[in-house]
Amino acid sequence: MSKKIAVLITDEFEDSEFTSPAAEFRQAGHEVITIEKEAGKTVKGKKGEASITIDKAIDDVRPDEFDALLLPGGHSPDYLRGDSRFVDFTRDFVNSGKPVFAICHGPQLLISADVIRGRKLTAVKPIIIDVKNAGAEFYDQEVVVDKDQLVTSRTPDDLPAFNREALRLLGA
């Protein structure tokens, strides 16, 4: 069954951390919806390899409209967590119990949403201390799946494992 996957994203996202999962999700028949402050805006990856047109504005969506949430890394999550609308969306989504996929710096939104205390996850090295300070159990491995809801990975090198576990939770 096709699922709707929300992607919170803005400029300077890690190119492959969006393009790789999005391609895998679409290939499996799922719909990928990009969300930023403004629909129709074009955002660019930090390496300049990808640019995407935003599908929906954050003010026009609710977590209950989606089946899963993707949080790509790069600088994007750090920029978005300064806006309470993205933090609230993330918090509400995690609290709904639906699947959440966060890679690299993606967990920064989870940290700001205060939803990782007692959870198991991984992330890129520069934010390990933030993950631990937020009360999570950190594991330095390619993919960590917590409570069959939260899938996290460290870097683009981990994308094959990240995509595999995300697709498993989507039932694809």
C-alpha atoms as a PDB file:
ATOM      1  CA  MET A   1       0.000   0.000   0.000  1.00  0.00           C
ATOM      2  CA  SER A   2       1.316   3.423  -0.958  1.00  0.00           C
ATOM      3  CA  LYS A   3       2.374   5.673   1.919  1.00  0.00           C
ATOM      4  CA  LYS A   4       2.756   9.463   2.111  1.00  0.00           C
ATOM      5  CA  ILE A   5       6.156  10.486   3.412  1.00  0.00           C
ATOM      6  CA  ALA A   6       6.724  14.015   4.718  1.00  0.00           C
ATOM      7  CA  VAL A   7      10.217  15.472   4.282  1.00  0.00           C
ATOM      8  CA  LEU A   8      11.182  18.532   6.333  1.00  0.00           C
ATOM      9  CA  ILE A   9      13.885  20.188   4.251  1.00  0.00           C
ATOM     10  CA  THR A  10      15.482  23.512   3.353  1.00  0.00           C
ATOM     11  CA  ASP A  11      18.636  24.838   1.734  1.00  0.00           C
ATOM     12  CA  GLU A  12      21.972  23.119   2.284  1.00  0.00           C
ATOM     13  CA  PHE A  13      20.523  19.663   2.903  1.00  0.00           C
ATOM     14  CA  GLU A  14      22.963  16.794   2.336  1.00  0.00           C
ATOM     15  CA  ASP A  15      22.143  16.008  -1.293  1.00  0.00           C
ATOM     16  CA  SER A  16      22.277  12.199  -1.220  1.00  0.00           C
ATOM     17  CA  GLU A  17      20.507  11.975   2.144  1.00  0.00           C
ATOM     18  CA  PHE A  18      17.408  13.271   0.392  1.00  0.00           C
ATOM     19  CA  THR A  19      17.832  11.954  -3.156  1.00  0.00           C
ATOM     20  CA  SER A  20      18.690   8.362  -2.237  1.00  0.00           C
ATOM     21  CA  PRO A  21      15.826   7.645   0.207  1.00  0.00           C
ATOM     22  CA  ALA A  22      13.357   9.637  -1.919  1.00  0.00           C
ATOM     23  CA  ALA A  23      14.243   7.580  -5.001  1.00  0.00           C
ATOM     24  CA  GLU A  24      13.923   4.310  -3.058  1.00  0.00           C
ATOM     25  CA  PHE A  25      10.583   5.358  -1.555  1.00  0.00           C
ATOM     26  CA  ARG A  26       9.195   6.384  -4.947  1.00  0.00           C
ATOM     27  CA  GLN A  27      10.443   3.185  -6.566  1.00  0.00           C
ATOM     28  CA  ALA A  28       8.526   1.250  -3.902  1.00  0.00           C
ATOM     29  CA  GLY A  29       5.366   3.183  -4.836  1.00  0.00           C
ATOM     30  CA  HIS A  30       5.327   5.739  -2.034  1.00  0.00           C
ATOM     31  CA  GLU A  31       4.649   9.466  -2.339  1.00  0.00           C
ATOM     32  CA  VAL A  32       7.355  11.863  -1.122  1.00  0.00           C
ATOM     33  CA  ILE A  33       6.145  15.345  -0.097  1.00  0.00           C
ATOM     34  CA  THR A  34       8.727  18.059   0.604  1.00  0.00           C
ATOM     35  CA  ILE A  35       7.844  20.664   3.242  1.00  0.00           C
ATOM     36  CA  GLU A  36       9.491  24.033   3.912  1.00  0.00           C
ATOM     37  CA  LYS A  37       8.329  27.520   4.882  1.00  0.00           C
ATOM     38  CA  GLU A  38       7.044  28.246   1.382  1.00  0.00           C
ATOM     39  CA  ALA A  39       5.536  25.958  -1.282  1.00  0.00           C
ATOM     40  CA  GLY A  40       7.009  26.333  -4.760  1.00  0.00           C
ATOM     41  CA  LYS A  41      10.372  27.534  -3.457  1.00  0.00           C
ATOM     42  CA  THR A  42      13.489  25.826  -4.832  1.00  0.00           C
ATOM     43  CA  VAL A  43      16.003  24.612  -2.245  1.00  0.00           C
ATOM     44  CA  LYS A  44      19.500  23.401  -3.014  1.00  0.00           C
ATOM     45  CA  GLY A  45      21.704  20.729  -1.532  1.00  0.00           C
ATOM     46  CA  LYS A  46      24.953  21.800   0.087  1.00  0.00           C
ATOM     47  CA  LYS A  47      27.031  20.031  -2.569  1.00  0.00           C
ATOM     48  CA  GLY A  48      25.043  21.587  -5.409  1.00  0.00           C
ATOM     49  CA  GLU A  49      24.125  18.165  -6.801  1.00  0.00           C
ATOM     50  CA  ALA A  50      20.406  18.430  -6.085  1.00  0.00           C
ATOM     51  CA  SER A  51      17.777  21.126  -6.150  1.00  0.00           C
ATOM     52  CA  ILE A  52      14.150  20.461  -5.366  1.00  0.00           C
ATOM     53  CA  THR A  53      10.925  22.397  -5.579  1.00  0.00           C
ATOM     54  CA  ILE A  54       9.027  22.398  -2.299  1.00  0.00           C
ATOM     55  CA  ASP A  55       5.603  20.749  -2.471  1.00  0.00           C
ATOM     56  CA  LYS A  56       3.920  22.164   0.644  1.00  0.00           C
ATOM     57  CA  ALA A  57       4.324  25.001   3.119  1.00  0.00           C
ATOM     58  CA  ILE A  58       4.609  24.011   6.781  1.00  0.00           C
ATOM     59  CA  ASP A  59       1.502  26.088   7.584  1.00  0.00           C
ATOM     60  CA  ASP A  60      -0.540  24.000   5.127  1.00  0.00           C
ATOM     61  CA  VAL A  61       0.206  20.527   6.538  1.00  0.00           C
ATOM     62  CA  ARG A  62      -0.493  18.462   9.642  1.00  0.00           C
ATOM     63  CA  PRO A  63       1.375  15.373  10.857  1.00  0.00           C
ATOM     64  CA  ASP A  64      -1.798  13.267  10.650  1.00  0.00           C
ATOM     65  CA  GLU A  65      -1.803  13.697   6.843  1.00  0.00           C
ATOM     66  CA  PHE A  66       1.357  11.575   6.520  1.00  0.00           C
ATOM     67  CA  ASP A  67       2.441   8.000   7.191  1.00  0.00           C
ATOM     68  CA  ALA A  68       6.163   8.613   7.788  1.00  0.00           C
ATOM     69  CA  LEU A  69       8.676  11.430   8.253  1.00  0.00           C
ATOM     70  CA  LEU A  70      12.132  11.799   6.650  1.00  0.00           C
ATOM     71  CA  LEU A  71      14.712  14.175   8.157  1.00  0.00           C
ATOM     72  CA  PRO A  72      17.753  14.421   5.862  1.00  0.00           C
ATOM     73  CA  GLY A  73      20.998  15.845   7.200  1.00  0.00           C
ATOM     74  CA  GLY A  74      23.319  18.613   6.116  1.00  0.00           C
ATOM     75  CA  HIS A  75      22.682  22.113   7.468  1.00  0.00           C
ATOM     76  CA  SER A  76      18.938  21.889   6.780  1.00  0.00           C
ATOM     77  CA  PRO A  77      17.857  20.435  10.167  1.00  0.00           C
ATOM     78  CA  ASP A  78      19.843  23.066  12.050  1.00  0.00           C
ATOM     79  CA  TYR A  79      18.181  25.852  10.054  1.00  0.00           C
ATOM     80  CA  LEU A  80      14.703  24.349  10.482  1.00  0.00           C
ATOM     81  CA  ARG A  81      14.946  23.796  14.229  1.00  0.00           C
ATOM     82  CA  GLY A  82      15.076  27.547  14.718  1.00  0.00           C
ATOM     83  CA  ASP A  83      11.415  27.649  13.620  1.00  0.00           C
ATOM     84  CA  SER A  84       8.941  26.298  16.173  1.00  0.00           C
ATOM     85  CA  ARG A  85       6.554  25.137  13.435  1.00  0.00           C
ATOM     86  CA  PHE A  86       9.049  22.512  12.271  1.00  0.00           C
ATOM     87  CA  VAL A  87       9.913  21.506  15.834  1.00  0.00           C
ATOM     88  CA  ASP A  88       6.215  21.142  16.724  1.00  0.00           C
ATOM     89  CA  PHE A  89       5.538  19.122  13.545  1.00  0.00           C
ATOM     90  CA  THR A  90       8.439  16.806  14.414  1.00  0.00           C
ATOM     91  CA  ARG A  91       7.314  16.392  18.035  1.00  0.00           C
ATOM     92  CA  ASP A  92       3.717  15.656  17.062  1.00  0.00           C
ATOM     93  CA  PHE A  93       4.863  13.193  14.419  1.00  0.00           C
ATOM     94  CA  VAL A  94       7.139  11.245  16.756  1.00  0.00           C
ATOM     95  CA  ASN A  95       4.445  11.195  19.444  1.00  0.00           C
ATOM     96  CA  SER A  96       1.988   9.743  16.915  1.00  0.00           C
ATOM     97  CA  GLY A  97       4.055   6.552  16.815  1.00  0.00           C
ATOM     98  CA  LYS A  98       4.450   6.600  13.025  1.00  0.00           C
ATOM     99  CA  PRO A  99       7.852   5.875  11.428  1.00  0.00           C
ATOM    100  CA  VAL A 100      10.540   8.563  11.505  1.00  0.00           C
ATOM    101  CA  PHE A 101      13.752   8.343   9.474  1.00  0.00           C
ATOM    102  CA  ALA A 102      16.636  10.680  10.448  1.00  0.00           C
ATOM    103  CA  ILE A 103      20.156  10.602   9.056  1.00  0.00           C
ATOM    104  CA  CYS A 104      23.362  12.510   9.792  1.00  0.00           C
ATOM    105  CA  HIS A 105      22.319  15.882  11.311  1.00  0.00           C
ATOM    106  CA  GLY A 106      18.604  14.981  10.982  1.00  0.00           C
ATOM    107  CA  PRO A 107      18.361  14.138  14.703  1.00  0.00           C
ATOM    108  CA  GLN A 108      18.904  17.838  15.486  1.00  0.00           C
ATOM    109  CA  LEU A 109      15.175  18.331  14.894  1.00  0.00           C
ATOM    110  CA  LEU A 110      14.446  15.385  17.208  1.00  0.00           C
ATOM    111  CA  ILE A 111      16.682  16.934  19.875  1.00  0.00           C
ATOM    112  CA  SER A 112      14.919  20.303  19.628  1.00  0.00           C
ATOM    113  CA  ALA A 113      11.553  18.538  19.766  1.00  0.00           C
ATOM    114  CA  ASP A 114      12.677  16.814  23.001  1.00  0.00           C
ATOM    115  CA  VAL A 115      11.568  13.367  21.829  1.00  0.00           C
ATOM    116  CA  ILE A 116      14.684  11.192  22.108  1.00  0.00           C
ATOM    117  CA  ARG A 117      15.078  10.762  25.866  1.00  0.00           C
ATOM    118  CA  GLY A 118      15.438   7.019  26.483  1.00  0.00           C
ATOM    119  CA  ARG A 119      15.541   6.236  22.742  1.00  0.00           C
ATOM    120  CA  LYS A 120      18.333   4.379  20.917  1.00  0.00           C
ATOM    121  CA  LEU A 121      19.860   6.142  17.936  1.00  0.00           C
ATOM    122  CA  THR A 122      22.915   7.093  15.945  1.00  0.00           C
ATOM    123  CA  ALA A 123      23.974  10.319  14.239  1.00  0.00           C
ATOM    124  CA  VAL A 124      26.964  12.050  12.687  1.00  0.00           C
ATOM    125  CA  LYS A 125      29.944  12.598  15.030  1.00  0.00           C
ATOM    126  CA  PRO A 126      29.614  16.383  15.573  1.00  0.00           C
ATOM    127  CA  ILE A 127      26.217  15.983  17.274  1.00  0.00           C
ATOM    128  CA  ILE A 128      26.936  12.888  19.406  1.00  0.00           C
ATOM    129  CA  ILE A 129      27.257  14.977  22.581  1.00  0.00           C
ATOM    130  CA  ASP A 130      23.947  16.711  21.778  1.00  0.00           C
ATOM    131  CA  VAL A 131      22.255  13.335  21.304  1.00  0.00           C
ATOM    132  CA  LYS A 132      23.593  12.092  24.640  1.00  0.00           C
ATOM    133  CA  ASN A 133      22.711  15.341  26.431  1.00  0.00           C
ATOM    134  CA  ALA A 134      19.148  14.970  25.121  1.00  0.00           C
ATOM    135  CA  GLY A 135      18.948  11.647  26.969  1.00  0.00           C
ATOM    136  CA  ALA A 136      19.302   9.179  24.106  1.00  0.00           C
ATOM    137  CA  GLU A 137      21.440   6.039  24.047  1.00  0.00           C
ATOM    138  CA  PHE A 138      24.003   6.565  21.277  1.00  0.00           C
ATOM    139  CA  TYR A 139      25.243   3.675  19.124  1.00  0.00           C
ATOM    140  CA  ASP A 140      28.061   4.128  16.614  1.00  0.00           C
ATOM    141  CA  GLN A 141      26.737   1.833  13.888  1.00  0.00           C
ATOM    142  CA  GLU A 142      25.415   2.216  10.338  1.00  0.00           C
ATOM    143  CA  VAL A 143      21.760   2.003  11.284  1.00  0.00           C
ATOM    144  CA  VAL A 144      19.806   1.895  14.538  1.00  0.00           C
ATOM    145  CA  VAL A 145      16.109   1.031  14.700  1.00  0.00           C
ATOM    146  CA  ASP A 146      14.354   1.922  17.954  1.00  0.00           C
ATOM    147  CA  LYS A 147      10.936   0.512  18.887  1.00  0.00           C
ATOM    148  CA  ASP A 148      10.165  -0.242  15.213  1.00  0.00           C
ATOM    149  CA  GLN A 149       9.521   3.477  14.783  1.00  0.00           C
ATOM    150  CA  LEU A 150      12.751   5.477  14.678  1.00  0.00           C
ATOM    151  CA  VAL A 151      15.428   4.706  12.053  1.00  0.00           C
ATOM    152  CA  THR A 152      18.708   6.638  12.306  1.00  0.00           C
ATOM    153  CA  SER A 153      22.026   6.526  10.460  1.00  0.00           C
ATOM    154  CA  ARG A 154      25.297   8.469  10.558  1.00  0.00           C
ATOM    155  CA  THR A 155      26.400   9.504   7.060  1.00  0.00           C
ATOM    156  CA  PRO A 156      25.758   9.001   3.332  1.00  0.00           C
ATOM    157  CA  ASP A 157      27.920   5.856   3.533  1.00  0.00           C
ATOM    158  CA  ASP A 158      25.140   4.311   5.632  1.00  0.00           C
ATOM    159  CA  LEU A 159      22.367   5.000   3.095  1.00  0.00           C
ATOM    160  CA  PRO A 160      21.960   1.383   1.894  1.00  0.00           C
ATOM    161  CA  ALA A 161      21.222   0.190   5.458  1.00  0.00           C
ATOM    162  CA  PHE A 162      19.160   3.307   6.244  1.00  0.00           C
ATOM    163  CA  ASN A 163      16.994   2.881   3.147  1.00  0.00           C
ATOM    164  CA  ARG A 164      16.577  -0.856   3.766  1.00  0.00           C
ATOM    165  CA  GLU A 165      15.281  -0.348   7.319  1.00  0.00           C
ATOM    166  CA  ALA A 166      13.078   2.600   6.341  1.00  0.00           C
ATOM    167  CA  LEU A 167      11.471   0.540   3.573  1.00  0.00           C
ATOM    168  CA  ARG A 168      10.986  -2.349   6.003  1.00  0.00           C
ATOM    169  CA  LEU A 169       9.040  -0.097   8.376  1.00  0.00           C
ATOM    170  CA  LEU A 170       6.990   1.217   5.458  1.00  0.00           C
ATOM    171  CA  GLY A 171       6.079  -2.361   4.609  1.00  0.00           C
ATOM    172  CA  ALA A 172       7.656  -2.096   1.141  1.00  0.00           C
END
